[in-house]
C-alpha atoms as a PDB file:
ATOM      1  CA  MET A   1     -65.231 -93.274  50.996  1.00  0.00           C
ATOM      2  CA  ALA A   2     -64.788 -89.942  49.253  1.00  0.00           C
ATOM      3  CA  LEU A   3     -63.292 -87.223  51.387  1.00  0.00           C
ATOM      4  CA  ILE A   4     -64.881 -83.792  51.086  1.00  0.00           C
ATOM      5  CA  ASP A   5     -63.878 -80.442  52.553  1.00  0.00           C
ATOM      6  CA  CYS A   6     -60.157 -81.115  52.492  1.00  0.00           C
ATOM      7  CA  GLU A   7     -57.231 -79.843  50.490  1.00  0.00           C
ATOM      8  CA  ARG A   8     -56.427 -83.270  49.050  1.00  0.00           C
ATOM      9  CA  PRO A   9     -59.474 -85.406  48.297  1.00  0.00           C
ATOM     10  CA  GLY A  10     -59.081 -89.150  48.149  1.00  0.00           C
ATOM     11  CA  THR A  11     -60.913 -92.419  48.001  1.00  0.00           C
ATOM     12  CA  GLU A  12     -60.136 -95.219  50.450  1.00  0.00           C
ATOM     13  CA  LEU A  13     -60.193 -98.624  48.769  1.00  0.00           C
ATOM     14  CA  GLY A  14     -61.061-101.818  50.650  1.00  0.00           C
ATOM     15  CA  LEU A  15     -62.075 -99.941  53.783  1.00  0.00           C
ATOM     16  CA  LYS A  16     -62.986-101.944  56.901  1.00  0.00           C
ATOM     17  CA  ILE A  17     -64.172-100.691  60.260  1.00  0.00           C
ATOM     18  CA  MET A  18     -61.842-101.932  62.986  1.00  0.00           C
ATOM     19  CA  GLN A  19     -63.431-100.219  66.011  1.00  0.00           C
ATOM     20  CA  PHE A  20     -66.290 -97.840  66.706  1.00  0.00           C
ATOM     21  CA  VAL A  21     -67.533 -95.728  69.586  1.00  0.00           C
ATOM     22  CA  LEU A  22     -71.114 -94.418  69.750  1.00  0.00           C
ATOM     23  CA  SER A  23     -71.676 -92.053  72.661  1.00  0.00           C
ATOM     24  CA  CYS A  24     -73.891 -89.340  74.029  1.00  0.00           C
ATOM     25  CA  SER A  25     -73.940 -87.313  77.230  1.00  0.00           C
ATOM     26  CA  ALA A  26     -76.472 -84.872  78.658  1.00  0.00           C
ATOM     27  CA  GLN A  27     -76.572 -81.610  76.694  1.00  0.00           C
ATOM     28  CA  GLN A  28     -74.540 -83.139  73.840  1.00  0.00           C
ATOM     29  CA  LEU A  29     -75.057 -84.579  70.365  1.00  0.00           C
ATOM     30  CA  LEU A  30     -74.874 -88.290  69.578  1.00  0.00           C
ATOM     31  CA  LYS A  31     -71.306 -88.948  68.371  1.00  0.00           C
ATOM     32  CA  LEU A  32     -69.817 -91.723  66.249  1.00  0.00           C
ATOM     33  CA  SER A  33     -66.084 -92.348  66.039  1.00  0.00           C
ATOM     34  CA  LEU A  34     -64.621 -94.899  63.617  1.00  0.00           C
ATOM     35  CA  ASP A  35     -61.190 -96.529  63.449  1.00  0.00           C
ATOM     36  CA  VAL A  36     -60.744 -97.780  59.887  1.00  0.00           C
ATOM     37  CA  ASN A  37     -58.186 -99.706  57.853  1.00  0.00           C
ATOM     38  CA  ALA A  38     -57.936 -99.535  54.063  1.00  0.00           C
ATOM     39  CA  GLN A  39     -56.047-101.450  51.392  1.00  0.00           C
ATOM     40  CA  ASP A  40     -55.041 -98.329  49.491  1.00  0.00           C
ATOM     41  CA  GLU A  41     -55.836 -94.666  48.985  1.00  0.00           C
ATOM     42  CA  ASP A  42     -56.519 -93.081  45.610  1.00  0.00           C
ATOM     43  CA  THR A  43     -55.439 -89.425  45.738  1.00  0.00           C
ATOM     44  CA  GLU A  44     -56.167 -88.820  42.057  1.00  0.00           C
ATOM     45  CA  THR A  45     -59.831 -88.272  42.886  1.00  0.00           C
ATOM     46  CA  SER A  46     -61.045 -84.853  41.831  1.00  0.00           C
ATOM     47  CA  LEU A  47     -62.568 -82.606  44.441  1.00  0.00           C
ATOM     48  CA  ALA A  48     -66.321 -83.061  44.466  1.00  0.00           C
ATOM     49  CA  SER A  49     -68.664 -80.165  44.972  1.00  0.00           C
ATOM     50  CA  PHE A  50     -70.434 -80.247  48.295  1.00  0.00           C
ATOM     51  CA  ALA A  51     -74.190 -80.727  48.121  1.00  0.00           C
ATOM     52  CA  PRO A  52     -75.712 -81.128  51.595  1.00  0.00           C
ATOM     53  CA  VAL A  53     -78.674 -83.419  52.016  1.00  0.00           C
ATOM     54  CA  SER A  54     -81.755 -81.305  52.639  1.00  0.00           C
ATOM     55  CA  THR A  55     -83.126 -83.714  55.246  1.00  0.00           C
ATOM     56  CA  ALA A  56     -79.869 -84.188  57.156  1.00  0.00           C
ATOM     57  CA  THR A  57     -80.354 -84.132  60.897  1.00  0.00           C
ATOM     58  CA  THR A  58     -78.479 -84.701  64.109  1.00  0.00           C
ATOM     59  CA  PHE A  59     -79.477 -86.623  67.201  1.00  0.00           C
ATOM     60  CA  ASN A  60     -79.192 -85.038  70.622  1.00  0.00           C
ATOM     61  CA  TRP A  61     -79.569 -86.119  74.221  1.00  0.00           C
ATOM     62  CA  GLN A  62     -83.173 -84.877  74.460  1.00  0.00           C
ATOM     63  CA  GLN A  63     -84.249 -87.454  71.856  1.00  0.00           C
ATOM     64  CA  ALA A  64     -82.919 -90.433  73.848  1.00  0.00           C
ATOM     65  CA  THR A  65     -84.939 -92.985  75.772  1.00  0.00           C
ATOM     66  CA  LEU A  66     -83.469 -95.864  77.779  1.00  0.00           C
ATOM     67  CA  LYS A  67     -85.314 -99.040  78.657  1.00  0.00           C
ATOM     68  CA  ILE A  68     -84.162-102.023  80.668  1.00  0.00           C
ATOM     69  CA  GLY A  69     -85.453-105.556  81.071  1.00  0.00           C
ATOM     70  CA  GLY A  70     -88.142-107.247  79.057  1.00  0.00           C
ATOM     71  CA  THR A  71     -87.697-109.995  76.507  1.00  0.00           C
ATOM     72  CA  ALA A  72     -85.384-109.635  73.528  1.00  0.00           C
ATOM     73  CA  SER A  73     -86.353-111.397  70.322  1.00  0.00           C
ATOM     74  CA  THR A  74     -85.250-111.421  66.688  1.00  0.00           C
ATOM     75  CA  THR A  75     -87.600-111.330  63.707  1.00  0.00           C
ATOM     76  CA  ALA A  76     -86.254-111.021  60.137  1.00  0.00           C
ATOM     77  CA  ASN A  77     -82.799-110.195  61.558  1.00  0.00           C
ATOM     78  CA  VAL A  78     -84.183-107.250  63.556  1.00  0.00           C
ATOM     79  CA  VAL A  79     -83.841-107.355  67.342  1.00  0.00           C
ATOM     80  CA  SER A  80     -86.624-105.869  69.439  1.00  0.00           C
ATOM     81  CA  VAL A  81     -87.404-105.795  73.152  1.00  0.00           C
ATOM     82  CA  ALA A  82     -90.910-106.415  74.431  1.00  0.00           C
ATOM     83  CA  SER A  83     -92.041-105.195  77.852  1.00  0.00           C
ATOM     84  CA  GLY A  84     -88.902-103.177  78.643  1.00  0.00           C
ATOM     85  CA  VAL A  85     -89.415-100.424  81.202  1.00  0.00           C
ATOM     86  CA  ASP A  86     -87.987 -96.909  81.392  1.00  0.00           C
ATOM     87  CA  MET A  87     -84.850 -96.781  83.520  1.00  0.00           C
ATOM     88  CA  THR A  88     -85.334 -95.047  86.859  1.00  0.00           C
ATOM     89  CA  THR A  89     -81.585 -94.534  87.272  1.00  0.00           C
ATOM     90  CA  LEU A  90     -80.531 -91.024  86.260  1.00  0.00           C
ATOM     91  CA  VAL A  91     -78.300 -91.848  83.278  1.00  0.00           C
ATOM     92  CA  THR A  92     -76.207 -88.851  82.210  1.00  0.00           C
ATOM     93  CA  GLY A  93     -74.406 -90.536  79.339  1.00  0.00           C
ATOM     94  CA  PHE A  94     -73.565 -93.774  77.607  1.00  0.00           C
ATOM     95  CA  THR A  95     -70.730 -95.157  75.515  1.00  0.00           C
ATOM     96  CA  PHE A  96     -71.250 -98.145  73.226  1.00  0.00           C
ATOM     97  CA  THR A  97     -68.068 -99.664  71.804  1.00  0.00           C
ATOM     98  CA  GLY A  98     -67.330-102.350  69.282  1.00  0.00           C
ATOM     99  CA  ALA A  99     -64.116-103.997  68.142  1.00  0.00           C
ATOM    100  CA  ASN A 100     -63.651-106.032  64.962  1.00  0.00           C
ATOM    101  CA  PRO A 101     -60.221-107.706  65.353  1.00  0.00           C
ATOM    102  CA  GLN A 102     -58.557-108.172  61.963  1.00  0.00           C
ATOM    103  CA  LYS A 103     -55.133-109.228  60.708  1.00  0.00           C
ATOM    104  CA  THR A 104     -54.183-106.064  58.800  1.00  0.00           C
ATOM    105  CA  ASP A 105     -50.545-106.742  57.878  1.00  0.00           C
ATOM    106  CA  ARG A 106     -51.291-109.166  55.009  1.00  0.00           C
ATOM    107  CA  PHE A 107     -48.684-108.052  52.475  1.00  0.00           C
ATOM    108  CA  GLY A 108     -47.393-110.655  50.029  1.00  0.00           C
ATOM    109  CA  LEU A 109     -45.212-111.094  46.988  1.00  0.00           C
ATOM    110  CA  GLY A 110     -46.955-110.081  43.772  1.00  0.00           C
ATOM    111  CA  GLY A 111     -49.365-107.759  45.556  1.00  0.00           C
ATOM    112  CA  ALA A 112     -47.909-104.556  44.038  1.00  0.00           C
ATOM    113  CA  GLY A 113     -47.337-103.221  47.542  1.00  0.00           C
ATOM    114  CA  LEU A 114     -51.010-103.497  48.459  1.00  0.00           C
ATOM    115  CA  LYS A 115     -52.190-105.556  51.372  1.00  0.00           C
ATOM    116  CA  SER A 116     -54.683-108.355  51.002  1.00  0.00           C
ATOM    117  CA  GLU A 117     -58.120-108.073  52.515  1.00  0.00           C
ATOM    118  CA  PRO A 118     -57.915-108.207  56.317  1.00  0.00           C
ATOM    119  CA  ILE A 119     -59.239-111.392  57.865  1.00  0.00           C
ATOM    120  CA  SER A 120     -60.755-111.903  61.300  1.00  0.00           C
ATOM    121  CA  ASN A 121     -58.299-112.911  63.982  1.00  0.00           C
ATOM    122  CA  GLY A 122     -60.513-112.737  67.041  1.00  0.00           C
ATOM    123  CA  MET A 123     -64.080-112.507  68.259  1.00  0.00           C
ATOM    124  CA  ARG A 124     -65.952-109.251  67.865  1.00  0.00           C
ATOM    125  CA  ALA A 125     -66.418-107.531  71.198  1.00  0.00           C
ATOM    126  CA  TYR A 126     -69.065-105.038  72.286  1.00  0.00           C
ATOM    127  CA  GLY A 127     -69.386-103.031  75.462  1.00  0.00           C
ATOM    128  CA  LEU A 128     -71.734-100.549  77.060  1.00  0.00           C
ATOM    129  CA  ALA A 129     -70.822 -98.066  79.774  1.00  0.00           C
ATOM    130  CA  LEU A 130     -73.475 -95.971  81.483  1.00  0.00           C
ATOM    131  CA  ASP A 131     -72.701 -92.775  83.389  1.00  0.00           C
ATOM    132  CA  GLY A 132     -75.171 -91.642  86.008  1.00  0.00           C
ATOM    133  CA  GLU A 133     -76.285 -91.540  89.584  1.00  0.00           C
ATOM    134  CA  PHE A 134     -76.743 -94.655  91.666  1.00  0.00           C
ATOM    135  CA  THR A 135     -80.459 -94.470  92.484  1.00  0.00           C
ATOM    136  CA  ASP A 136     -81.796 -98.027  92.343  1.00  0.00           C
ATOM    137  CA  GLN A 137     -79.713-101.010  93.470  1.00  0.00           C
ATOM    138  CA  SER A 138     -82.123-103.577  92.018  1.00  0.00           C
ATOM    139  CA  GLU A 139     -82.101-102.023  88.541  1.00  0.00           C
ATOM    140  CA  ILE A 140     -78.398-102.158  87.667  1.00  0.00           C
ATOM    141  CA  TYR A 141     -76.211-103.354  90.562  1.00  0.00           C
ATOM    142  CA  ASP A 142     -78.046-106.552  91.508  1.00  0.00           C
ATOM    143  CA  PRO A 143     -78.130-108.025  87.953  1.00  0.00           C
ATOM    144  CA  PHE A 144     -74.456-107.047  87.525  1.00  0.00           C
ATOM    145  CA  ARG A 145     -73.458-108.668  90.829  1.00  0.00           C
ATOM    146  CA  VAL A 146     -74.995-112.052  89.940  1.00  0.00           C
ATOM    147  CA  GLY A 147     -74.128-111.897  86.220  1.00  0.00           C
ATOM    148  CA  ASP A 148     -77.700-111.879  84.889  1.00  0.00           C
ATOM    149  CA  PRO A 149     -78.030-110.855  81.239  1.00  0.00           C
ATOM    150  CA  VAL A 150     -80.413-107.894  80.974  1.00  0.00           C
ATOM    151  CA  PRO A 151     -81.659-106.335  77.717  1.00  0.00           C
ATOM    152  CA  ILE A 152     -80.940-102.608  77.446  1.00  0.00           C
ATOM    153  CA  GLN A 153     -82.448-100.477  74.702  1.00  0.00           C
ATOM    154  CA  VAL A 154     -81.241 -96.972  73.830  1.00  0.00           C
ATOM    155  CA  THR A 155     -83.397 -95.207  71.237  1.00  0.00           C
ATOM    156  CA  PHE A 156     -82.910 -91.817  69.587  1.00  0.00           C
ATOM    157  CA  THR A 157     -86.016 -90.646  67.728  1.00  0.00           C
ATOM    158  CA  GLY A 158     -85.271 -87.741  65.419  1.00  0.00           C
ATOM    159  CA  ALA A 159     -87.267 -85.417  63.233  1.00  0.00           C
ATOM    160  CA  GLN A 160     -89.897 -86.640  60.821  1.00  0.00           C
ATOM    161  CA  ALA A 161     -88.360 -87.996  57.601  1.00  0.00           C
ATOM    162  CA  GLY A 162     -90.082 -86.005  54.863  1.00  0.00           C
ATOM    163  CA  THR A 163     -93.309 -84.045  54.837  1.00  0.00           C
ATOM    164  CA  SER A 164     -95.700 -86.859  53.930  1.00  0.00           C
ATOM    165  CA  SER A 165     -94.170 -89.587  56.079  1.00  0.00           C
ATOM    166  CA  SER A 166     -94.841 -90.774  59.595  1.00  0.00           C
ATOM    167  CA  ASN A 167     -91.364 -92.321  59.722  1.00  0.00           C
ATOM    168  CA  HIS A 168     -88.711 -90.663  61.840  1.00  0.00           C
ATOM    169  CA  PHE A 169     -84.943 -90.736  61.684  1.00  0.00           C
ATOM    170  CA  LEU A 170     -84.090 -93.387  64.245  1.00  0.00           C
ATOM    171  CA  VAL A 171     -81.058 -94.844  65.978  1.00  0.00           C
ATOM    172  CA  ASP A 172     -82.016 -97.914  67.983  1.00  0.00           C
ATOM    173  CA  LEU A 173     -79.333 -99.708  69.994  1.00  0.00           C
ATOM    174  CA  ILE A 174     -80.342-102.939  71.676  1.00  0.00           C
ATOM    175  CA  LEU A 175     -78.079-105.132  73.770  1.00  0.00           C
ATOM    176  CA  SER A 176     -80.241-108.223  73.947  1.00  0.00           C
ATOM    177  CA  SER A 177     -78.163-110.367  76.248  1.00  0.00           C
ATOM    178  CA  GLY A 178     -75.525-108.079  77.641  1.00  0.00           C
ATOM    179  CA  ILE A 179     -74.359-108.313  81.184  1.00  0.00           C
ATOM    180  CA  ILE A 180     -74.450-104.870  82.741  1.00  0.00           C
END
């Protein structure tokens, strides 16, 4: 990962994502926070000139839709939800988290001071927290109380990607068997 817009540019070698947080609240932008671990950093990288992508875009709370229920299925490694319905609960924000437990202290003799590639030392864990007003007991509370897995789909549909395309920038988060 090349660092830009800093006094000392560098490249992180052997970078792994340890944790992430994807969140959005009403009247805010979609935010991504990463906790990373790298084998080494190369600070001899020359400063690159900044060239912004002309089609770069952000996602905001107005572009979000939330659906609950339906049937989750996977086709060609892509999860989709059929027959989900719009949530009636007034959701004012969500936080989706993920953890990728790794053994990161793998230093050994003959490694020139560099650590070996981190290896998994636990199960990946994901979580979803919804902020909002309690408006419908049967929609969220009842499935939670009895431990029923319920698909939840959060979709951000952004601006059109290009002038001759019908594709849109899209962030689609689906928890296919999560327990609320």
